[in-house]
Structures are given as structure tokens and as C-alpha cells.
Amino acid sequence: MEVALREVDKLPTTEGNFIGFVKENAETIQFVRFEEDSWLIDAPVIEKGKFSHSLNDDDLSTEKVKEIVKRFFLGENWQSLCNLKK
């Protein structure tokens, strides 16, 4: 978790910067950084072992992203911190 948080802090603010995290159970969250304090989260949804669709929210601050990452790795409810939509 600490390494992941450091990587979030280091991600440059230039267009196309992307970072993703995968847990042992294959749960995945991915982020794109648009500006210093502007992020998108993308959460792939797997159904019957195959990619079905993604849920996303493009209105996240850096602090919110870091809290989502913490909860993700702690196995806590990270989804409540964002407004995921298809």
C-alpha cells in the first residue's frame, strides 16, 4: 500500500498518465491523472470470468485517490468515496 501511495504522488500531470493496481483476487482499479488535482478512476467489471464493462468517475482529487487506494488495499469499501457510473 505504501509503495502504491508513493507512485500516486509521483505520477506526472501530463496527458495520458495512467496507473493501475490489482489485488490477489484480481480486483482492479485504474487511474488517469489529468492535472495536479484532477483524476479519473476506472474500475473494470468482470462477469463470468470476462471483462463486461467499466465503471468510472472523473471528478476525483488527489487526496480522494489516495484514500481510495488505501481502502482498496485494506479491503475496505473504497467505492463509497466515488460516484461510479457506467
Protein backbone atom coordinates (compact mmCIF):
# COMPACT_ATOMS: atom_id res chain seq x y z
CA MET A 1 0.00 0.00 0.00
CA GLU A 2 2.79 2.45 0.87
CA VAL A 3 4.52 1.84 -2.46
CA ALA A 4 1.22 2.41 -4.29
CA LEU A 5 0.68 5.72 -2.48
CA ARG A 6 4.18 6.89 -3.38
CA GLU A 7 3.51 6.02 -7.02
CA VAL A 8 0.31 8.09 -6.96
CA ASP A 9 2.29 11.07 -5.66
CA LYS A 10 4.98 10.64 -8.32
CA LEU A 11 2.63 10.33 -11.31
CA PRO A 12 3.23 13.35 -13.55
CA THR A 13 0.38 15.62 -14.59
CA THR A 14 1.00 15.36 -18.32
CA GLU A 15 -1.73 13.93 -20.54
CA GLY A 16 -2.02 10.16 -20.71
CA ASN A 17 -0.59 9.33 -17.31
CA PHE A 18 -2.14 6.13 -16.07
CA ILE A 19 -1.63 3.90 -13.05
CA GLY A 20 -3.44 0.74 -12.00
CA PHE A 21 -3.48 -1.62 -9.05
CA VAL A 22 -4.53 -5.28 -8.92
CA LYS A 23 -5.16 -7.33 -5.78
CA GLU A 24 -4.66 -11.07 -5.39
CA ASN A 25 -8.36 -11.68 -6.11
CA ALA A 26 -7.92 -9.87 -9.48
CA GLU A 27 -9.90 -6.82 -8.33
CA THR A 28 -8.53 -3.86 -10.30
CA ILE A 29 -8.68 -0.09 -10.06
CA GLN A 30 -7.07 2.25 -12.55
CA PHE A 31 -6.50 5.99 -12.51
CA VAL A 32 -5.70 8.68 -15.07
CA ARG A 33 -4.27 11.97 -13.86
CA PHE A 34 -5.42 14.97 -15.91
CA GLU A 35 -3.99 17.78 -13.79
CA GLU A 36 -2.35 18.29 -10.41
CA ASP A 37 -5.62 17.67 -8.56
CA SER A 38 -7.89 16.16 -11.22
CA TRP A 39 -8.24 12.38 -11.68
CA LEU A 40 -10.43 9.73 -13.28
CA ILE A 41 -10.96 6.29 -11.77
CA ASP A 42 -11.79 3.29 -13.94
CA ALA A 43 -12.96 0.06 -12.31
CA PRO A 44 -13.26 -2.89 -14.70
CA VAL A 45 -16.21 -5.20 -14.02
CA ILE A 46 -15.64 -8.89 -14.61
CA GLU A 47 -18.64 -11.15 -15.14
CA LYS A 48 -18.34 -14.91 -15.67
CA GLY A 49 -14.58 -14.56 -15.85
CA LYS A 50 -14.62 -12.00 -18.67
CA PHE A 51 -14.46 -8.23 -18.91
CA SER A 52 -18.01 -6.89 -19.11
CA HIS A 53 -17.71 -3.12 -18.75
CA SER A 54 -16.06 -0.39 -16.68
CA LEU A 55 -17.37 1.95 -14.04
CA ASN A 56 -15.76 5.36 -13.75
CA ASP A 57 -15.79 8.75 -12.09
CA ASP A 58 -13.84 11.70 -13.49
CA ASP A 59 -14.20 14.11 -10.58
CA LEU A 60 -11.57 12.98 -8.07
CA SER A 61 -8.97 14.95 -6.14
CA THR A 62 -5.52 13.62 -5.33
CA GLU A 63 -6.45 13.19 -1.66
CA LYS A 64 -9.55 11.19 -2.61
CA VAL A 65 -7.48 8.99 -4.94
CA LYS A 66 -5.04 8.28 -2.12
CA GLU A 67 -7.88 7.39 0.26
CA ILE A 68 -9.40 5.07 -2.37
CA VAL A 69 -6.02 3.35 -2.81
CA LYS A 70 -5.66 2.90 0.97
CA ARG A 71 -9.12 1.38 1.32
CA PHE A 72 -8.59 -0.79 -1.77
CA PHE A 73 -5.50 -2.41 -0.26
CA LEU A 74 -7.06 -2.67 3.21
CA GLY A 75 -10.10 -4.47 1.79
CA GLU A 76 -12.42 -1.67 2.86
CA ASN A 77 -15.29 -0.06 0.94
CA TRP A 78 -13.46 2.25 -1.46
CA GLN A 79 -16.48 2.55 -3.79
CA SER A 80 -18.28 4.82 -1.33
CA LEU A 81 -15.64 7.53 -1.97
CA CYS A 82 -16.58 7.98 -5.60
CA ASN A 83 -19.61 8.20 -7.83
CA LEU A 84 -19.01 5.25 -10.15
CA LYS A 85 -21.14 5.11 -13.26
CA LYS A 86 -21.18 3.01 -16.40
